[in-house]
Amino acid sequence: MWPLIALALLGGCALIDQTTFNPDAGKPPLVATCPPPAPVLPAPSGTPALLTVRLADSAPFANELRDAVAAARARKRDVVFDVVAVAPVGGSPAEQAARAEAGAAEAARVAEMIVAQGVAPTRVRLGSRTEPSVLAHEVRVYVR
């Protein structure tokens, strides 16, 4: 008789498990997804770059970059910076790959310098392209 009474009393009890203390336990975690980065569109012909860094020159450009970014942010609060590595056309595939790698690394360094000035990383976009009129690698900074 006692076992039946005990079973009747336990029927109204809830088992203690993880959800007793955390109602979200056992649910799959929410994974934040970032939207894909917007592609850097080539600048329309005739659109001047805010700043052009020629990699063949050894002149430091940090001060010019700082001033140009500050001026652009003063004119437009939500400005977007397109940092584009521009490479010359021609050469062997190995030479082109080496030049592209060097240009991409320099463009990334310029983008990091822009972000270090307080620009949100979502407002700095990287890209690359080739141009037949370019003689040596350049990094161009465009504003939108």
N, C-alpha and C. Protein backbone atom coordinates (compact mmCIF):
# COMPACT_ATOMS: atom_id res chain seq x y z
N MET A 1 0.82 -1.18 0.00
CA MET A 1 0.00 0.00 0.00
C MET A 1 0.87 1.26 0.00
N TRP A 2 1.95 1.27 0.81
CA TRP A 2 2.83 2.43 0.85
C TRP A 2 3.46 2.72 -0.51
N PRO A 3 3.85 1.71 -1.27
CA PRO A 3 4.41 2.02 -2.59
C PRO A 3 3.41 2.72 -3.49
N LEU A 4 2.14 2.38 -3.41
CA LEU A 4 1.14 3.04 -4.25
C LEU A 4 0.95 4.50 -3.82
N ILE A 5 0.98 4.74 -2.53
CA ILE A 5 0.85 6.11 -2.05
C ILE A 5 2.07 6.94 -2.48
N ALA A 6 3.27 6.35 -2.37
CA ALA A 6 4.49 7.05 -2.79
C ALA A 6 4.46 7.37 -4.28
N LEU A 7 4.00 6.43 -5.11
CA LEU A 7 3.90 6.68 -6.55
C LEU A 7 2.88 7.79 -6.83
N ALA A 8 1.82 7.82 -6.11
CA ALA A 8 0.80 8.85 -6.31
C ALA A 8 1.36 10.23 -5.95
N LEU A 9 2.14 10.31 -4.90
CA LEU A 9 2.72 11.60 -4.50
C LEU A 9 3.83 12.06 -5.45
N LEU A 10 4.61 11.11 -5.96
CA LEU A 10 5.71 11.46 -6.88
C LEU A 10 5.20 11.85 -8.27
N GLY A 11 4.00 11.48 -8.61
CA GLY A 11 3.46 11.81 -9.93
C GLY A 11 3.36 13.31 -10.16
N GLY A 12 3.18 14.09 -9.11
CA GLY A 12 3.07 15.53 -9.24
C GLY A 12 4.39 16.26 -9.18
N CYS A 13 5.49 15.55 -9.01
CA CYS A 13 6.81 16.17 -8.89
C CYS A 13 7.48 16.26 -10.26
N ALA A 14 8.30 17.28 -10.42
CA ALA A 14 9.11 17.41 -11.64
C ALA A 14 10.52 16.96 -11.32
N LEU A 15 11.13 16.29 -12.28
CA LEU A 15 12.50 15.86 -12.10
C LEU A 15 13.44 17.07 -12.17
N ILE A 16 14.49 17.02 -11.40
CA ILE A 16 15.48 18.09 -11.42
C ILE A 16 16.50 17.75 -12.49
N ASP A 17 16.68 18.68 -13.42
CA ASP A 17 17.68 18.52 -14.48
C ASP A 17 18.26 19.90 -14.81
N GLN A 18 18.96 20.01 -15.91
CA GLN A 18 19.60 21.27 -16.29
C GLN A 18 18.59 22.40 -16.49
N THR A 19 17.41 22.07 -17.03
CA THR A 19 16.43 23.10 -17.32
C THR A 19 15.79 23.68 -16.06
N THR A 20 15.97 23.00 -14.92
CA THR A 20 15.47 23.55 -13.67
C THR A 20 16.19 24.86 -13.35
N PHE A 21 17.46 24.92 -13.63
CA PHE A 21 18.27 26.09 -13.30
C PHE A 21 18.51 27.01 -14.50
N ASN A 22 18.44 26.47 -15.71
CA ASN A 22 18.66 27.24 -16.92
C ASN A 22 17.63 26.81 -17.95
N PRO A 23 16.59 27.61 -18.19
CA PRO A 23 15.54 27.19 -19.11
C PRO A 23 16.02 27.02 -20.55
N ASP A 24 17.19 27.61 -20.91
CA ASP A 24 17.71 27.48 -22.27
C ASP A 24 18.65 26.29 -22.43
N ALA A 25 18.84 25.52 -21.38
CA ALA A 25 19.76 24.37 -21.46
C ALA A 25 19.22 23.36 -22.46
N GLY A 26 20.10 22.82 -23.23
CA GLY A 26 19.73 21.82 -24.21
C GLY A 26 19.34 22.39 -25.55
N LYS A 27 19.11 23.71 -25.63
CA LYS A 27 18.77 24.33 -26.91
C LYS A 27 20.06 24.63 -27.66
N PRO A 28 20.03 24.54 -28.98
CA PRO A 28 21.25 24.86 -29.73
C PRO A 28 21.60 26.33 -29.55
N PRO A 29 22.89 26.66 -29.50
CA PRO A 29 23.30 28.06 -29.30
C PRO A 29 22.96 28.90 -30.53
N LEU A 30 22.70 30.16 -30.28
CA LEU A 30 22.48 31.10 -31.38
C LEU A 30 23.84 31.53 -31.92
N VAL A 31 24.01 31.40 -33.21
CA VAL A 31 25.28 31.75 -33.83
C VAL A 31 25.08 33.05 -34.58
N ALA A 32 25.86 34.04 -34.21
CA ALA A 32 25.78 35.33 -34.89
C ALA A 32 26.45 35.21 -36.25
N THR A 33 25.78 35.68 -37.26
CA THR A 33 26.36 35.66 -38.59
C THR A 33 26.50 37.09 -39.08
N CYS A 34 27.63 37.36 -39.69
CA CYS A 34 27.89 38.68 -40.25
C CYS A 34 27.46 38.66 -41.71
N PRO A 35 26.94 39.76 -42.19
CA PRO A 35 26.62 39.79 -43.61
C PRO A 35 27.90 39.74 -44.42
N PRO A 36 27.83 39.19 -45.61
CA PRO A 36 29.05 39.14 -46.43
C PRO A 36 29.51 40.56 -46.73
N PRO A 37 30.82 40.76 -46.82
CA PRO A 37 31.30 42.11 -47.11
C PRO A 37 30.87 42.55 -48.49
N ALA A 38 30.57 43.81 -48.60
CA ALA A 38 30.17 44.35 -49.88
C ALA A 38 31.39 44.38 -50.80
N PRO A 39 31.21 43.99 -52.05
CA PRO A 39 32.36 44.02 -52.95
C PRO A 39 32.78 45.45 -53.23
N VAL A 40 34.06 45.61 -53.39
CA VAL A 40 34.58 46.94 -53.72
C VAL A 40 34.42 47.12 -55.22
N LEU A 41 33.63 48.09 -55.57
CA LEU A 41 33.41 48.34 -56.98
C LEU A 41 34.53 49.21 -57.52
N PRO A 42 34.93 48.97 -58.75
CA PRO A 42 35.96 49.84 -59.31
C PRO A 42 35.46 51.28 -59.36
N ALA A 43 36.33 52.18 -59.09
CA ALA A 43 35.96 53.60 -59.11
C ALA A 43 35.61 53.99 -60.53
N PRO A 44 34.57 54.79 -60.69
CA PRO A 44 34.24 55.26 -62.04
C PRO A 44 35.41 56.05 -62.61
N SER A 45 35.54 56.00 -63.90
CA SER A 45 36.66 56.71 -64.51
C SER A 45 36.53 58.20 -64.21
N GLY A 46 37.61 58.78 -63.85
CA GLY A 46 37.62 60.19 -63.52
C GLY A 46 37.43 60.48 -62.04
N THR A 47 37.07 59.47 -61.24
CA THR A 47 36.93 59.69 -59.80
C THR A 47 38.31 59.66 -59.16
N PRO A 48 38.73 60.77 -58.59
CA PRO A 48 40.07 60.77 -57.99
C PRO A 48 40.07 60.04 -56.65
N ALA A 49 41.18 59.46 -56.34
CA ALA A 49 41.35 58.80 -55.05
C ALA A 49 41.60 59.87 -53.99
N LEU A 50 41.14 59.60 -52.79
CA LEU A 50 41.41 60.50 -51.67
C LEU A 50 42.91 60.54 -51.41
N LEU A 51 43.54 59.37 -51.53
CA LEU A 51 44.98 59.26 -51.29
C LEU A 51 45.52 58.12 -52.13
N THR A 52 46.69 58.30 -52.73
CA THR A 52 47.36 57.24 -53.47
C THR A 52 48.72 57.02 -52.84
N VAL A 53 48.98 55.77 -52.45
CA VAL A 53 50.26 55.39 -51.86
C VAL A 53 50.99 54.56 -52.90
N ARG A 54 52.10 55.07 -53.39
CA ARG A 54 52.91 54.32 -54.35
C ARG A 54 53.93 53.49 -53.57
N LEU A 55 53.87 52.19 -53.76
CA LEU A 55 54.71 51.31 -52.96
C LEU A 55 56.18 51.40 -53.35
N ALA A 56 56.45 51.90 -54.54
CA ALA A 56 57.84 52.06 -54.95
C ALA A 56 58.50 53.20 -54.18
N ASP A 57 57.71 54.17 -53.76
CA ASP A 57 58.25 55.28 -52.97
C ASP A 57 58.50 54.80 -51.55
N SER A 58 59.55 55.30 -50.97
CA SER A 58 59.83 54.93 -49.58
C SER A 58 59.40 56.04 -48.62
N ALA A 59 58.75 57.07 -49.16
CA ALA A 59 58.34 58.19 -48.32
C ALA A 59 57.23 57.75 -47.36
N PRO A 60 57.31 58.13 -46.10
CA PRO A 60 56.25 57.77 -45.16
C PRO A 60 54.95 58.51 -45.52
N PHE A 61 53.84 57.84 -45.32
CA PHE A 61 52.57 58.42 -45.71
C PHE A 61 51.58 58.47 -44.54
N ALA A 62 52.01 58.12 -43.34
CA ALA A 62 51.10 58.04 -42.20
C ALA A 62 50.45 59.39 -41.90
N ASN A 63 51.22 60.47 -41.95
CA ASN A 63 50.66 61.79 -41.65
C ASN A 63 49.64 62.21 -42.70
N GLU A 64 49.95 61.96 -43.98
CA GLU A 64 49.01 62.30 -45.04
C GLU A 64 47.73 61.48 -44.92
N LEU A 65 47.88 60.21 -44.58
CA LEU A 65 46.70 59.35 -44.41
C LEU A 65 45.85 59.84 -43.24
N ARG A 66 46.49 60.17 -42.14
CA ARG A 66 45.76 60.67 -40.96
C ARG A 66 44.98 61.94 -41.31
N ASP A 67 45.63 62.87 -41.99
CA ASP A 67 44.97 64.12 -42.36
C ASP A 67 43.83 63.90 -43.34
N ALA A 68 44.04 63.01 -44.32
CA ALA A 68 43.00 62.74 -45.32
C ALA A 68 41.78 62.06 -44.68
N VAL A 69 42.01 61.12 -43.78
CA VAL A 69 40.90 60.44 -43.11
C VAL A 69 40.14 61.42 -42.22
N ALA A 70 40.86 62.26 -41.51
CA ALA A 70 40.21 63.25 -40.64
C ALA A 70 39.37 64.22 -41.47
N ALA A 71 39.89 64.65 -42.61
CA ALA A 71 39.14 65.57 -43.46
C ALA A 71 37.89 64.90 -44.03
N ALA A 72 38.02 63.65 -44.45
CA ALA A 72 36.86 62.94 -45.00
C ALA A 72 35.79 62.72 -43.94
N ARG A 73 36.20 62.38 -42.71
CA ARG A 73 35.24 62.17 -41.63
C ARG A 73 34.59 63.48 -41.20
N ALA A 74 35.30 64.58 -41.31
CA ALA A 74 34.72 65.88 -40.97
C ALA A 74 33.64 66.28 -41.97
N ARG A 75 33.82 65.90 -43.23
CA ARG A 75 32.85 66.27 -44.27
C ARG A 75 31.64 65.35 -44.26
N LYS A 76 31.85 64.06 -43.95
CA LYS A 76 30.76 63.09 -43.98
C LYS A 76 30.95 62.11 -42.84
N ARG A 77 30.07 62.14 -41.87
CA ARG A 77 30.24 61.34 -40.65
C ARG A 77 30.23 59.83 -40.93
N ASP A 78 29.39 59.38 -41.87
CA ASP A 78 29.28 57.95 -42.15
C ASP A 78 30.04 57.55 -43.42
N VAL A 79 31.19 58.16 -43.61
CA VAL A 79 32.00 57.90 -44.80
C VAL A 79 32.48 56.44 -44.81
N VAL A 80 32.57 55.86 -46.00
CA VAL A 80 33.08 54.51 -46.20
C VAL A 80 34.36 54.64 -47.00
N PHE A 81 35.39 53.95 -46.54
CA PHE A 81 36.70 53.99 -47.21
C PHE A 81 36.91 52.70 -47.98
N ASP A 82 37.17 52.82 -49.27
CA ASP A 82 37.54 51.68 -50.10
C ASP A 82 39.05 51.72 -50.28
N VAL A 83 39.73 50.72 -49.76
CA VAL A 83 41.19 50.63 -49.87
C VAL A 83 41.47 49.60 -50.96
N VAL A 84 42.01 50.06 -52.08
CA VAL A 84 42.17 49.22 -53.26
C VAL A 84 43.65 49.08 -53.61
N ALA A 85 44.11 47.84 -53.69
CA ALA A 85 45.47 47.57 -54.17
C ALA A 85 45.42 47.51 -55.69
N VAL A 86 46.19 48.35 -56.33
CA VAL A 86 46.21 48.42 -57.79
C VAL A 86 47.56 47.91 -58.27
N ALA A 87 47.51 46.91 -59.15
CA ALA A 87 48.74 46.29 -59.65
C ALA A 87 48.85 46.49 -61.16
N PRO A 88 50.08 46.55 -61.67
CA PRO A 88 50.25 46.65 -63.11
C PRO A 88 49.93 45.31 -63.78
N VAL A 89 49.62 45.38 -65.04
CA VAL A 89 49.32 44.18 -65.82
C VAL A 89 50.62 43.68 -66.44
N GLY A 90 50.76 42.38 -66.53
CA GLY A 90 51.91 41.80 -67.22
C GLY A 90 52.80 40.99 -66.31
N GLY A 91 53.76 40.32 -66.93
CA GLY A 91 54.68 39.48 -66.18
C GLY A 91 54.21 38.03 -66.14
N SER A 92 55.05 37.20 -65.61
CA SER A 92 54.70 35.78 -65.50
C SER A 92 53.65 35.60 -64.40
N PRO A 93 52.97 34.47 -64.40
CA PRO A 93 51.98 34.22 -63.34
C PRO A 93 52.59 34.27 -61.94
N ALA A 94 53.82 33.79 -61.79
CA ALA A 94 54.47 33.83 -60.48
C ALA A 94 54.75 35.27 -60.06
N GLU A 95 55.21 36.11 -61.02
CA GLU A 95 55.45 37.51 -60.72
C GLU A 95 54.15 38.22 -60.36
N GLN A 96 53.08 37.93 -61.09
CA GLN A 96 51.79 38.56 -60.81
C GLN A 96 51.29 38.16 -59.42
N ALA A 97 51.46 36.89 -59.07
CA ALA A 97 51.01 36.42 -57.75
C ALA A 97 51.81 37.09 -56.64
N ALA A 98 53.11 37.22 -56.83
CA ALA A 98 53.95 37.87 -55.82
C ALA A 98 53.58 39.34 -55.67
N ARG A 99 53.36 40.02 -56.80
CA ARG A 99 52.97 41.43 -56.73
C ARG A 99 51.60 41.60 -56.09
N ALA A 100 50.67 40.70 -56.41
CA ALA A 100 49.33 40.78 -55.83
C ALA A 100 49.38 40.56 -54.32
N GLU A 101 50.22 39.63 -53.88
CA GLU A 101 50.35 39.36 -52.44
C GLU A 101 50.95 40.57 -51.72
N ALA A 102 51.96 41.17 -52.31
CA ALA A 102 52.57 42.35 -51.69
C ALA A 102 51.59 43.52 -51.66
N GLY A 103 50.86 43.70 -52.73
CA GLY A 103 49.88 44.78 -52.78
C GLY A 103 48.75 44.57 -51.78
N ALA A 104 48.28 43.33 -51.65
CA ALA A 104 47.20 43.04 -50.69
C ALA A 104 47.67 43.27 -49.27
N ALA A 105 48.91 42.90 -48.98
CA ALA A 105 49.44 43.11 -47.63
C ALA A 105 49.55 44.60 -47.32
N GLU A 106 49.99 45.38 -48.29
CA GLU A 106 50.11 46.83 -48.08
C GLU A 106 48.73 47.46 -47.94
N ALA A 107 47.76 47.01 -48.73
CA ALA A 107 46.40 47.54 -48.61
C ALA A 107 45.82 47.21 -47.24
N ALA A 108 46.08 46.01 -46.75
CA ALA A 108 45.60 45.63 -45.41
C ALA A 108 46.24 46.51 -44.34
N ARG A 109 47.50 46.85 -44.54
CA ARG A 109 48.20 47.72 -43.57
C ARG A 109 47.59 49.12 -43.58
N VAL A 110 47.26 49.63 -44.76
CA VAL A 110 46.62 50.95 -44.87
C VAL A 110 45.24 50.90 -44.21
N ALA A 111 44.49 49.82 -44.44
CA ALA A 111 43.16 49.68 -43.84
C ALA A 111 43.27 49.64 -42.31
N GLU A 112 44.27 48.94 -41.79
CA GLU A 112 44.47 48.90 -40.34
C GLU A 112 44.81 50.28 -39.79
N MET A 113 45.55 51.06 -40.54
CA MET A 113 45.88 52.42 -40.10
C MET A 113 44.63 53.29 -40.05
N ILE A 114 43.72 53.07 -40.98
CA ILE A 114 42.47 53.84 -40.99
C ILE A 114 41.61 53.45 -39.79
N VAL A 115 41.51 52.14 -39.52
CA VAL A 115 40.73 51.66 -38.38
C VAL A 115 41.34 52.16 -37.07
N ALA A 116 42.66 52.26 -37.01
CA ALA A 116 43.33 52.74 -35.80
C ALA A 116 42.98 54.20 -35.50
N GLN A 117 42.47 54.92 -36.49
CA GLN A 117 42.07 56.31 -36.28
C GLN A 117 40.64 56.43 -35.79
N GLY A 118 40.01 55.30 -35.46
CA GLY A 118 38.67 55.33 -34.91
C GLY A 118 37.56 55.07 -35.90
N VAL A 119 37.90 54.73 -37.12
CA VAL A 119 36.89 54.38 -38.11
C VAL A 119 36.44 52.94 -37.85
N ALA A 120 35.13 52.71 -37.88
CA ALA A 120 34.61 51.36 -37.65
C ALA A 120 35.11 50.42 -38.76
N PRO A 121 35.51 49.20 -38.40
CA PRO A 121 36.01 48.26 -39.41
C PRO A 121 34.98 47.97 -40.51
N THR A 122 33.69 48.10 -40.19
CA THR A 122 32.67 47.86 -41.21
C THR A 122 32.62 48.98 -42.24
N ARG A 123 33.32 50.08 -41.98
CA ARG A 123 33.35 51.20 -42.91
C ARG A 123 34.64 51.24 -43.73
N VAL A 124 35.43 50.18 -43.64
CA VAL A 124 36.66 50.09 -44.42
C VAL A 124 36.59 48.80 -45.23
N ARG A 125 36.64 48.93 -46.54
CA ARG A 125 36.53 47.76 -47.42
C ARG A 125 37.80 47.62 -48.23
N LEU A 126 38.23 46.36 -48.39
CA LEU A 126 39.45 46.06 -49.15
C LEU A 126 39.09 45.53 -50.53
N GLY A 127 39.93 45.82 -51.47
CA GLY A 127 39.75 45.30 -52.82
C GLY A 127 41.06 45.35 -53.57
N SER A 128 41.05 44.80 -54.76
CA SER A 128 42.25 44.85 -55.60
C SER A 128 41.82 44.79 -57.06
N ARG A 129 42.67 45.31 -57.89
CA ARG A 129 42.43 45.25 -59.34
C ARG A 129 43.74 45.53 -60.06
N THR A 130 43.73 45.28 -61.35
CA THR A 130 44.89 45.59 -62.18
C THR A 130 44.50 46.71 -63.14
N GLU A 131 45.52 47.47 -63.50
CA GLU A 131 45.32 48.55 -64.47
C GLU A 131 46.53 48.59 -65.38
N PRO A 132 46.30 48.66 -66.68
CA PRO A 132 47.44 48.70 -67.60
C PRO A 132 48.24 49.99 -67.51
N SER A 133 47.64 51.07 -67.04
CA SER A 133 48.35 52.35 -66.99
C SER A 133 49.25 52.49 -65.77
N VAL A 134 49.17 51.55 -64.83
CA VAL A 134 49.98 51.63 -63.61
C VAL A 134 51.32 50.96 -63.86
N LEU A 135 52.41 51.63 -63.47
CA LEU A 135 53.74 51.07 -63.67
C LEU A 135 54.24 50.28 -62.46
N ALA A 136 53.81 50.64 -61.28
CA ALA A 136 54.22 49.96 -60.05
C ALA A 136 52.99 49.87 -59.13
N HIS A 137 53.11 49.03 -58.12
CA HIS A 137 51.99 48.85 -57.19
C HIS A 137 51.60 50.16 -56.51
N GLU A 138 50.31 50.32 -56.35
CA GLU A 138 49.76 51.45 -55.62
C GLU A 138 48.65 50.96 -54.71
N VAL A 139 48.42 51.70 -53.66
CA VAL A 139 47.24 51.50 -52.83
C VAL A 139 46.47 52.81 -52.89
N ARG A 140 45.22 52.71 -53.35
CA ARG A 140 44.39 53.92 -53.46
C ARG A 140 43.28 53.84 -52.42
N VAL A 141 43.00 54.98 -51.83
CA VAL A 141 41.93 55.08 -50.85
C VAL A 141 40.85 55.97 -51.45
N TYR A 142 39.67 55.39 -51.67
CA TYR A 142 38.53 56.12 -52.19
C TYR A 142 37.52 56.31 -51.05
N VAL A 143 36.70 57.33 -51.15
CA VAL A 143 35.64 57.54 -50.18
C VAL A 143 34.30 57.48 -50.87
N ARG A 144 33.32 57.00 -50.11
CA ARG A 144 31.94 56.93 -50.61
C ARG A 144 31.04 57.59 -49.60
